[in-house]
Amino acid sequence: MTRSVVRSAVASWISQASITGLNQVLTTFPKRINFQVNSQPGQLSRAAGVVFISGERENRIAVGGASNGWKRTDYDVDFQVFHHSLEPDAVDAMTSFDTLIEAIKTQLRAGGHTLGYADNTIIWEAAEPSISVTYGEPATVNGGATETWASVRFTVTQMIQA
């Protein structure tokens, strides 16, 4: 398996939830995020999420001797969320951001151990045993929009018979 397969699987699972305010789920960082993409008329808060793999570890587990075993690869997934709010009140902008992050975590939990994939060579286990989130400080940008960033981190494990 490759990193691109994991990125695509995670992006697909998060996209399937149709999370309000999460207008884009990307498998790589764009040169510039266009918050207008997939936005609806009158939508004051919108966000883009990027699936980033920040590291990986690979181990071989010999079961049955030198020629039979399993290969385990753990990917450190860092789902980075970029939130852009035109809400006039900062409290409303933060409420929108908080609701978005909770919905992302809910979708990760809803996939059980495999993010809904029956073929465990794609994802054997995900977002187990933990999900951790780091938050950036909100900032007001030109035009008065509030932008906030978060990193939702979890591990995706592949087990492949080798």
N, C-alpha and C. Protein backbone atom coordinates (compact mmCIF):
# COMPACT_ATOMS: atom_id res chain seq x y z
N MET A 1 0.84 -1.18 0.00
CA MET A 1 0.00 0.00 0.00
C MET A 1 0.88 1.24 0.00
N THR A 2 0.30 2.29 -0.41
CA THR A 2 1.06 3.53 -0.48
C THR A 2 0.40 4.62 0.35
N ARG A 3 1.16 5.65 0.60
CA ARG A 3 0.63 6.81 1.33
C ARG A 3 -0.57 7.40 0.60
N SER A 4 -0.53 7.41 -0.72
CA SER A 4 -1.63 8.01 -1.48
C SER A 4 -2.94 7.23 -1.28
N VAL A 5 -2.86 5.91 -1.13
CA VAL A 5 -4.05 5.10 -0.88
C VAL A 5 -4.65 5.46 0.48
N VAL A 6 -3.80 5.61 1.48
CA VAL A 6 -4.26 5.97 2.82
C VAL A 6 -4.88 7.37 2.80
N ARG A 7 -4.20 8.31 2.16
CA ARG A 7 -4.75 9.68 2.07
C ARG A 7 -6.13 9.67 1.41
N SER A 8 -6.26 8.94 0.31
CA SER A 8 -7.54 8.87 -0.40
C SER A 8 -8.62 8.21 0.44
N ALA A 9 -8.26 7.15 1.15
CA ALA A 9 -9.24 6.45 1.99
C ALA A 9 -9.74 7.35 3.12
N VAL A 10 -8.83 8.05 3.77
CA VAL A 10 -9.22 8.96 4.85
C VAL A 10 -10.08 10.10 4.30
N ALA A 11 -9.65 10.69 3.20
CA ALA A 11 -10.42 11.80 2.59
C ALA A 11 -11.82 11.33 2.20
N SER A 12 -11.91 10.16 1.64
CA SER A 12 -13.21 9.61 1.24
C SER A 12 -14.12 9.42 2.44
N TRP A 13 -13.57 8.85 3.53
CA TRP A 13 -14.39 8.60 4.71
C TRP A 13 -14.91 9.91 5.32
N ILE A 14 -14.07 10.90 5.42
CA ILE A 14 -14.49 12.17 6.00
C ILE A 14 -15.48 12.87 5.07
N SER A 15 -15.25 12.80 3.76
CA SER A 15 -16.15 13.44 2.79
C SER A 15 -17.54 12.81 2.80
N GLN A 16 -17.62 11.51 3.05
CA GLN A 16 -18.91 10.81 3.02
C GLN A 16 -19.90 11.37 4.03
N ALA A 17 -19.40 12.02 5.07
CA ALA A 17 -20.28 12.53 6.12
C ALA A 17 -21.02 13.80 5.71
N SER A 18 -20.60 14.46 4.66
CA SER A 18 -21.19 15.74 4.26
C SER A 18 -21.31 16.66 5.47
N ILE A 19 -20.19 16.95 6.10
CA ILE A 19 -20.14 17.76 7.31
C ILE A 19 -20.40 19.22 6.96
N THR A 20 -21.38 19.79 7.62
CA THR A 20 -21.74 21.20 7.38
C THR A 20 -20.53 22.09 7.64
N GLY A 21 -20.22 22.92 6.67
CA GLY A 21 -19.10 23.85 6.81
C GLY A 21 -17.79 23.32 6.29
N LEU A 22 -17.67 22.02 6.08
CA LEU A 22 -16.44 21.44 5.52
C LEU A 22 -16.66 21.32 4.02
N ASN A 23 -16.25 22.34 3.29
CA ASN A 23 -16.55 22.44 1.88
C ASN A 23 -15.60 21.66 0.98
N GLN A 24 -14.40 21.38 1.49
CA GLN A 24 -13.41 20.68 0.69
C GLN A 24 -12.61 19.72 1.57
N VAL A 25 -12.37 18.52 1.06
CA VAL A 25 -11.44 17.59 1.70
C VAL A 25 -10.40 17.25 0.64
N LEU A 26 -9.18 17.63 0.91
CA LEU A 26 -8.10 17.51 -0.07
C LEU A 26 -7.07 16.47 0.38
N THR A 27 -6.46 15.81 -0.59
CA THR A 27 -5.44 14.80 -0.26
C THR A 27 -4.03 15.37 -0.30
N THR A 28 -3.90 16.63 -0.63
CA THR A 28 -2.59 17.29 -0.60
C THR A 28 -2.82 18.79 -0.40
N PHE A 29 -1.82 19.47 0.10
CA PHE A 29 -1.94 20.90 0.32
C PHE A 29 -2.01 21.63 -1.02
N PRO A 30 -3.01 22.49 -1.20
CA PRO A 30 -3.04 23.30 -2.41
C PRO A 30 -2.06 24.47 -2.26
N LYS A 31 -1.74 25.10 -3.35
CA LYS A 31 -0.88 26.28 -3.26
C LYS A 31 -1.58 27.39 -2.49
N ARG A 32 -2.89 27.44 -2.64
CA ARG A 32 -3.70 28.44 -1.93
C ARG A 32 -5.09 27.85 -1.74
N ILE A 33 -5.65 28.02 -0.56
CA ILE A 33 -7.00 27.53 -0.32
C ILE A 33 -7.99 28.59 -0.79
N ASN A 34 -8.90 28.17 -1.64
CA ASN A 34 -9.97 29.04 -2.12
C ASN A 34 -11.23 28.65 -1.34
N PHE A 35 -11.60 29.45 -0.36
CA PHE A 35 -12.75 29.13 0.49
C PHE A 35 -14.08 29.28 -0.24
N GLN A 36 -14.06 29.76 -1.47
CA GLN A 36 -15.30 29.87 -2.26
C GLN A 36 -15.69 28.52 -2.88
N VAL A 37 -14.73 27.61 -3.02
CA VAL A 37 -15.00 26.32 -3.65
C VAL A 37 -16.07 25.58 -2.84
N ASN A 38 -17.11 25.14 -3.51
CA ASN A 38 -18.23 24.39 -2.93
C ASN A 38 -19.01 25.16 -1.87
N SER A 39 -18.84 26.46 -1.78
CA SER A 39 -19.60 27.22 -0.79
C SER A 39 -21.02 27.47 -1.31
N GLN A 40 -21.91 27.66 -0.38
CA GLN A 40 -23.31 27.91 -0.70
C GLN A 40 -23.61 29.40 -0.52
N PRO A 41 -24.57 29.95 -1.26
CA PRO A 41 -24.95 31.35 -1.06
C PRO A 41 -25.34 31.60 0.40
N GLY A 42 -24.80 32.63 0.98
CA GLY A 42 -25.12 32.99 2.35
C GLY A 42 -24.37 32.19 3.42
N GLN A 43 -23.52 31.28 3.01
CA GLN A 43 -22.76 30.48 3.97
C GLN A 43 -21.66 31.34 4.59
N LEU A 44 -21.78 31.61 5.88
CA LEU A 44 -20.84 32.51 6.55
C LEU A 44 -19.55 31.83 6.99
N SER A 45 -19.62 30.54 7.30
CA SER A 45 -18.42 29.82 7.72
C SER A 45 -18.18 28.65 6.79
N ARG A 46 -16.94 28.49 6.41
CA ARG A 46 -16.57 27.40 5.50
C ARG A 46 -15.17 26.94 5.84
N ALA A 47 -14.85 25.73 5.42
CA ALA A 47 -13.55 25.18 5.78
C ALA A 47 -13.04 24.23 4.72
N ALA A 48 -11.73 24.06 4.73
CA ALA A 48 -11.06 23.07 3.90
C ALA A 48 -10.26 22.18 4.84
N GLY A 49 -10.27 20.89 4.56
CA GLY A 49 -9.48 19.93 5.33
C GLY A 49 -8.46 19.28 4.42
N VAL A 50 -7.26 19.09 4.93
CA VAL A 50 -6.19 18.48 4.15
C VAL A 50 -5.68 17.25 4.90
N VAL A 51 -5.66 16.10 4.21
CA VAL A 51 -5.12 14.88 4.78
C VAL A 51 -3.61 14.90 4.57
N PHE A 52 -2.88 14.98 5.66
CA PHE A 52 -1.42 15.03 5.61
C PHE A 52 -0.88 13.86 6.43
N ILE A 53 0.03 13.10 5.86
CA ILE A 53 0.68 12.02 6.59
C ILE A 53 2.02 12.56 7.06
N SER A 54 2.13 12.72 8.38
CA SER A 54 3.32 13.36 8.95
C SER A 54 4.43 12.36 9.29
N GLY A 55 4.13 11.08 9.23
CA GLY A 55 5.16 10.08 9.51
C GLY A 55 4.59 8.68 9.33
N GLU A 56 5.49 7.71 9.31
CA GLU A 56 5.05 6.31 9.23
C GLU A 56 6.13 5.40 9.81
N ARG A 57 5.66 4.25 10.27
CA ARG A 57 6.55 3.22 10.80
C ARG A 57 6.13 1.89 10.21
N GLU A 58 7.11 1.07 9.86
CA GLU A 58 6.81 -0.23 9.28
C GLU A 58 7.53 -1.31 10.06
N ASN A 59 6.79 -2.38 10.39
CA ASN A 59 7.36 -3.50 11.11
C ASN A 59 6.90 -4.79 10.46
N ARG A 60 7.76 -5.79 10.48
CA ARG A 60 7.39 -7.11 9.99
C ARG A 60 7.27 -8.02 11.19
N ILE A 61 6.18 -8.78 11.21
CA ILE A 61 5.94 -9.72 12.28
C ILE A 61 6.01 -11.11 11.68
N ALA A 62 7.02 -11.89 12.07
CA ALA A 62 7.19 -13.23 11.52
C ALA A 62 6.28 -14.19 12.28
N VAL A 63 5.30 -14.72 11.56
CA VAL A 63 4.40 -15.72 12.13
C VAL A 63 4.56 -16.96 11.26
N GLY A 64 5.03 -18.03 11.82
CA GLY A 64 5.19 -19.25 11.04
C GLY A 64 6.55 -19.34 10.35
N GLY A 65 7.53 -18.61 10.82
CA GLY A 65 8.87 -18.75 10.26
C GLY A 65 9.31 -17.56 9.43
N ALA A 66 10.47 -17.72 8.82
CA ALA A 66 11.12 -16.62 8.10
C ALA A 66 10.38 -16.24 6.81
N SER A 67 9.60 -17.15 6.24
CA SER A 67 8.98 -16.84 4.94
C SER A 67 7.49 -16.54 5.04
N ASN A 68 6.96 -16.50 6.23
CA ASN A 68 5.54 -16.23 6.37
C ASN A 68 5.34 -15.22 7.50
N GLY A 69 4.57 -14.19 7.26
CA GLY A 69 4.35 -13.21 8.30
C GLY A 69 3.46 -12.08 7.83
N TRP A 70 3.44 -11.04 8.64
CA TRP A 70 2.63 -9.87 8.36
C TRP A 70 3.51 -8.64 8.39
N LYS A 71 3.16 -7.68 7.57
CA LYS A 71 3.83 -6.39 7.59
C LYS A 71 2.82 -5.38 8.14
N ARG A 72 3.22 -4.65 9.17
CA ARG A 72 2.36 -3.64 9.78
C ARG A 72 2.96 -2.27 9.48
N THR A 73 2.12 -1.40 8.90
CA THR A 73 2.54 -0.03 8.66
C THR A 73 1.58 0.90 9.39
N ASP A 74 2.14 1.75 10.24
CA ASP A 74 1.36 2.75 10.96
C ASP A 74 1.64 4.12 10.34
N TYR A 75 0.58 4.78 9.91
CA TYR A 75 0.68 6.11 9.34
C TYR A 75 0.16 7.13 10.35
N ASP A 76 0.93 8.18 10.59
CA ASP A 76 0.50 9.28 11.44
C ASP A 76 -0.25 10.27 10.58
N VAL A 77 -1.58 10.27 10.70
CA VAL A 77 -2.42 11.15 9.89
C VAL A 77 -2.66 12.43 10.66
N ASP A 78 -2.46 13.52 9.99
CA ASP A 78 -2.66 14.85 10.54
C ASP A 78 -3.67 15.53 9.63
N PHE A 79 -4.96 15.46 10.00
CA PHE A 79 -6.00 16.08 9.20
C PHE A 79 -6.08 17.55 9.61
N GLN A 80 -5.57 18.41 8.74
CA GLN A 80 -5.49 19.83 9.06
C GLN A 80 -6.72 20.55 8.52
N VAL A 81 -7.35 21.30 9.42
CA VAL A 81 -8.60 21.99 9.10
C VAL A 81 -8.35 23.49 9.10
N PHE A 82 -8.72 24.13 8.00
CA PHE A 82 -8.57 25.58 7.85
C PHE A 82 -9.98 26.17 7.76
N HIS A 83 -10.37 26.90 8.79
CA HIS A 83 -11.73 27.43 8.93
C HIS A 83 -11.72 28.93 8.66
N HIS A 84 -12.66 29.38 7.85
CA HIS A 84 -12.77 30.79 7.46
C HIS A 84 -14.21 31.22 7.73
N SER A 85 -14.37 32.19 8.64
CA SER A 85 -15.72 32.60 9.01
C SER A 85 -15.93 34.09 8.80
N LEU A 86 -17.06 34.41 8.17
CA LEU A 86 -17.48 35.79 7.98
C LEU A 86 -18.52 36.21 9.01
N GLU A 87 -18.71 35.37 10.03
CA GLU A 87 -19.65 35.71 11.11
C GLU A 87 -19.21 37.05 11.72
N PRO A 88 -20.14 37.99 11.91
CA PRO A 88 -19.75 39.28 12.48
C PRO A 88 -19.33 39.19 13.94
N ASP A 89 -19.82 38.19 14.66
CA ASP A 89 -19.50 38.03 16.07
C ASP A 89 -18.47 36.91 16.24
N ALA A 90 -17.41 37.17 16.97
CA ALA A 90 -16.34 36.19 17.18
C ALA A 90 -16.86 34.93 17.88
N VAL A 91 -17.83 35.08 18.77
CA VAL A 91 -18.40 33.92 19.46
C VAL A 91 -19.09 32.99 18.46
N ASP A 92 -19.81 33.56 17.50
CA ASP A 92 -20.47 32.75 16.48
C ASP A 92 -19.45 32.06 15.58
N ALA A 93 -18.37 32.73 15.27
CA ALA A 93 -17.32 32.12 14.45
C ALA A 93 -16.71 30.93 15.19
N MET A 94 -16.45 31.08 16.50
CA MET A 94 -15.87 29.99 17.27
C MET A 94 -16.86 28.84 17.44
N THR A 95 -18.12 29.15 17.60
CA THR A 95 -19.14 28.10 17.71
C THR A 95 -19.18 27.27 16.42
N SER A 96 -19.10 27.94 15.29
CA SER A 96 -19.07 27.24 14.00
C SER A 96 -17.85 26.33 13.90
N PHE A 97 -16.70 26.84 14.34
CA PHE A 97 -15.47 26.06 14.31
C PHE A 97 -15.57 24.84 15.23
N ASP A 98 -16.06 25.06 16.46
CA ASP A 98 -16.20 23.96 17.42
C ASP A 98 -17.13 22.88 16.90
N THR A 99 -18.24 23.29 16.30
CA THR A 99 -19.20 22.33 15.74
C THR A 99 -18.56 21.51 14.63
N LEU A 100 -17.77 22.16 13.80
CA LEU A 100 -17.07 21.48 12.71
C LEU A 100 -16.11 20.43 13.24
N ILE A 101 -15.29 20.79 14.21
CA ILE A 101 -14.30 19.84 14.75
C ILE A 101 -15.01 18.64 15.40
N GLU A 102 -16.08 18.89 16.13
CA GLU A 102 -16.83 17.79 16.75
C GLU A 102 -17.41 16.86 15.70
N ALA A 103 -17.90 17.41 14.59
CA ALA A 103 -18.47 16.59 13.51
C ALA A 103 -17.39 15.74 12.84
N ILE A 104 -16.19 16.27 12.69
CA ILE A 104 -15.09 15.49 12.12
C ILE A 104 -14.74 14.33 13.05
N LYS A 105 -14.62 14.59 14.34
CA LYS A 105 -14.31 13.52 15.30
C LYS A 105 -15.43 12.48 15.33
N THR A 106 -16.66 12.92 15.24
CA THR A 106 -17.79 11.99 15.22
C THR A 106 -17.71 11.07 14.01
N GLN A 107 -17.36 11.62 12.86
CA GLN A 107 -17.24 10.79 11.65
C GLN A 107 -16.09 9.79 11.78
N LEU A 108 -14.98 10.20 12.36
CA LEU A 108 -13.88 9.26 12.56
C LEU A 108 -14.31 8.11 13.46
N ARG A 109 -15.02 8.42 14.54
CA ARG A 109 -15.50 7.38 15.47
C ARG A 109 -16.53 6.47 14.81
N ALA A 110 -17.32 7.01 13.90
CA ALA A 110 -18.41 6.25 13.28
C ALA A 110 -17.92 5.13 12.38
N GLY A 111 -16.66 5.16 12.00
CA GLY A 111 -16.12 4.14 11.10
C GLY A 111 -15.67 2.89 11.79
N GLY A 112 -15.93 2.78 13.09
CA GLY A 112 -15.41 1.62 13.80
C GLY A 112 -13.91 1.62 13.73
N HIS A 113 -13.33 0.47 13.61
CA HIS A 113 -11.88 0.39 13.57
C HIS A 113 -11.31 0.63 12.18
N THR A 114 -12.12 0.48 11.14
CA THR A 114 -11.59 0.46 9.78
C THR A 114 -12.03 1.64 8.90
N LEU A 115 -12.68 2.62 9.47
CA LEU A 115 -13.26 3.72 8.70
C LEU A 115 -14.20 3.20 7.63
N GLY A 116 -14.86 2.08 7.92
CA GLY A 116 -15.86 1.53 7.02
C GLY A 116 -15.33 0.67 5.89
N TYR A 117 -14.03 0.41 5.85
CA TYR A 117 -13.46 -0.38 4.77
C TYR A 117 -13.47 -1.86 5.13
N ALA A 118 -14.08 -2.69 4.27
CA ALA A 118 -14.13 -4.13 4.50
C ALA A 118 -12.78 -4.78 4.22
N ASP A 119 -12.04 -4.24 3.27
CA ASP A 119 -10.72 -4.78 2.90
C ASP A 119 -9.69 -4.22 3.88
N ASN A 120 -9.29 -5.03 4.86
CA ASN A 120 -8.41 -4.51 5.90
C ASN A 120 -6.96 -4.33 5.45
N THR A 121 -6.66 -4.58 4.18
CA THR A 121 -5.33 -4.23 3.70
C THR A 121 -5.27 -2.73 3.40
N ILE A 122 -6.43 -2.09 3.26
CA ILE A 122 -6.46 -0.64 3.09
C ILE A 122 -6.34 0.01 4.47
N ILE A 123 -7.27 -0.30 5.35
CA ILE A 123 -7.21 0.21 6.72
C ILE A 123 -7.61 -0.92 7.66
N TRP A 124 -6.66 -1.36 8.46
CA TRP A 124 -6.91 -2.40 9.44
C TRP A 124 -7.44 -1.79 10.73
N GLU A 125 -6.94 -0.60 11.03
CA GLU A 125 -7.38 0.10 12.22
C GLU A 125 -7.12 1.59 12.03
N ALA A 126 -8.07 2.42 12.44
CA ALA A 126 -7.89 3.87 12.31
C ALA A 126 -8.50 4.59 13.50
N ALA A 127 -7.87 5.69 13.85
CA ALA A 127 -8.33 6.54 14.94
C ALA A 127 -8.47 5.75 16.24
N GLU A 128 -7.68 4.71 16.38
CA GLU A 128 -7.64 3.89 17.59
C GLU A 128 -6.19 3.85 18.04
N PRO A 129 -5.86 3.94 19.24
CA PRO A 129 -6.74 4.06 20.39
C PRO A 129 -7.11 5.50 20.71
N SER A 130 -6.67 6.47 19.88
CA SER A 130 -6.92 7.85 20.27
C SER A 130 -7.03 8.79 19.07
N ILE A 131 -7.65 9.91 19.35
CA ILE A 131 -7.70 11.06 18.45
C ILE A 131 -7.20 12.23 19.27
N SER A 132 -6.27 13.00 18.73
CA SER A 132 -5.82 14.19 19.46
C SER A 132 -5.98 15.40 18.53
N VAL A 133 -6.25 16.53 19.15
CA VAL A 133 -6.48 17.74 18.37
C VAL A 133 -5.65 18.87 18.95
N THR A 134 -4.98 19.61 18.07
CA THR A 134 -4.26 20.82 18.43
C THR A 134 -4.94 21.97 17.71
N TYR A 135 -5.09 23.09 18.42
CA TYR A 135 -5.80 24.24 17.85
C TYR A 135 -4.87 25.42 17.69
N GLY A 136 -5.07 26.16 16.60
CA GLY A 136 -4.37 27.41 16.41
C GLY A 136 -5.20 28.55 16.99
N GLU A 137 -4.56 29.64 17.22
CA GLU A 137 -5.25 30.81 17.76
C GLU A 137 -6.02 31.50 16.64
N PRO A 138 -7.29 31.86 16.87
CA PRO A 138 -8.05 32.57 15.83
C PRO A 138 -7.39 33.90 15.49
N ALA A 139 -7.50 34.26 14.23
CA ALA A 139 -6.94 35.54 13.78
C ALA A 139 -7.96 36.23 12.88
N THR A 140 -7.99 37.55 12.95
CA THR A 140 -8.84 38.33 12.06
C THR A 140 -7.99 38.75 10.87
N VAL A 141 -8.46 38.45 9.68
CA VAL A 141 -7.72 38.77 8.46
C VAL A 141 -8.38 39.95 7.77
N ASN A 142 -7.76 40.40 6.69
CA ASN A 142 -8.30 41.53 5.93
C ASN A 142 -9.77 41.29 5.60
N GLY A 143 -10.55 42.29 5.73
CA GLY A 143 -11.97 42.16 5.45
C GLY A 143 -12.77 41.72 6.65
N GLY A 144 -12.10 41.41 7.77
CA GLY A 144 -12.80 41.06 9.00
C GLY A 144 -13.12 39.60 9.21
N ALA A 145 -12.70 38.73 8.30
CA ALA A 145 -12.97 37.30 8.48
C ALA A 145 -12.12 36.76 9.63
N THR A 146 -12.67 35.78 10.33
CA THR A 146 -11.95 35.08 11.38
C THR A 146 -11.45 33.76 10.81
N GLU A 147 -10.15 33.51 10.93
CA GLU A 147 -9.59 32.25 10.46
C GLU A 147 -9.01 31.49 11.64
N THR A 148 -9.32 30.20 11.69
CA THR A 148 -8.87 29.33 12.77
C THR A 148 -8.38 28.03 12.14
N TRP A 149 -7.41 27.44 12.77
CA TRP A 149 -6.78 26.22 12.26
C TRP A 149 -6.81 25.15 13.34
N ALA A 150 -6.93 23.89 12.92
CA ALA A 150 -6.83 22.76 13.85
C ALA A 150 -6.12 21.61 13.16
N SER A 151 -5.50 20.79 13.96
CA SER A 151 -4.86 19.57 13.49
C SER A 151 -5.51 18.41 14.24
N VAL A 152 -6.25 17.57 13.51
CA VAL A 152 -6.89 16.38 14.10
C VAL A 152 -5.99 15.21 13.75
N ARG A 153 -5.32 14.66 14.78
CA ARG A 153 -4.31 13.62 14.55
C ARG A 153 -4.78 12.25 15.05
N PHE A 154 -4.46 11.25 14.25
CA PHE A 154 -4.79 9.87 14.59
C PHE A 154 -3.89 8.95 13.77
N THR A 155 -3.89 7.68 14.13
CA THR A 155 -3.06 6.69 13.43
C THR A 155 -3.94 5.82 12.55
N VAL A 156 -3.44 5.51 11.36
CA VAL A 156 -4.06 4.54 10.47
C VAL A 156 -3.07 3.39 10.32
N THR A 157 -3.55 2.16 10.57
CA THR A 157 -2.70 0.99 10.51
C THR A 157 -3.12 0.09 9.36
N GLN A 158 -2.14 -0.38 8.60
CA GLN A 158 -2.36 -1.39 7.57
C GLN A 158 -1.65 -2.67 8.01
N MET A 159 -2.30 -3.80 7.81
CA MET A 159 -1.68 -5.09 8.05
C MET A 159 -1.73 -5.86 6.73
N ILE A 160 -0.58 -6.20 6.21
CA ILE A 160 -0.50 -6.89 4.92
C ILE A 160 0.26 -8.19 5.12
N GLN A 161 -0.33 -9.30 4.66
CA GLN A 161 0.36 -10.57 4.77
C GLN A 161 1.53 -10.58 3.79
N ALA A 162 2.71 -10.85 4.34
CA ALA A 162 3.92 -10.80 3.51
C ALA A 162 4.57 -12.16 3.40
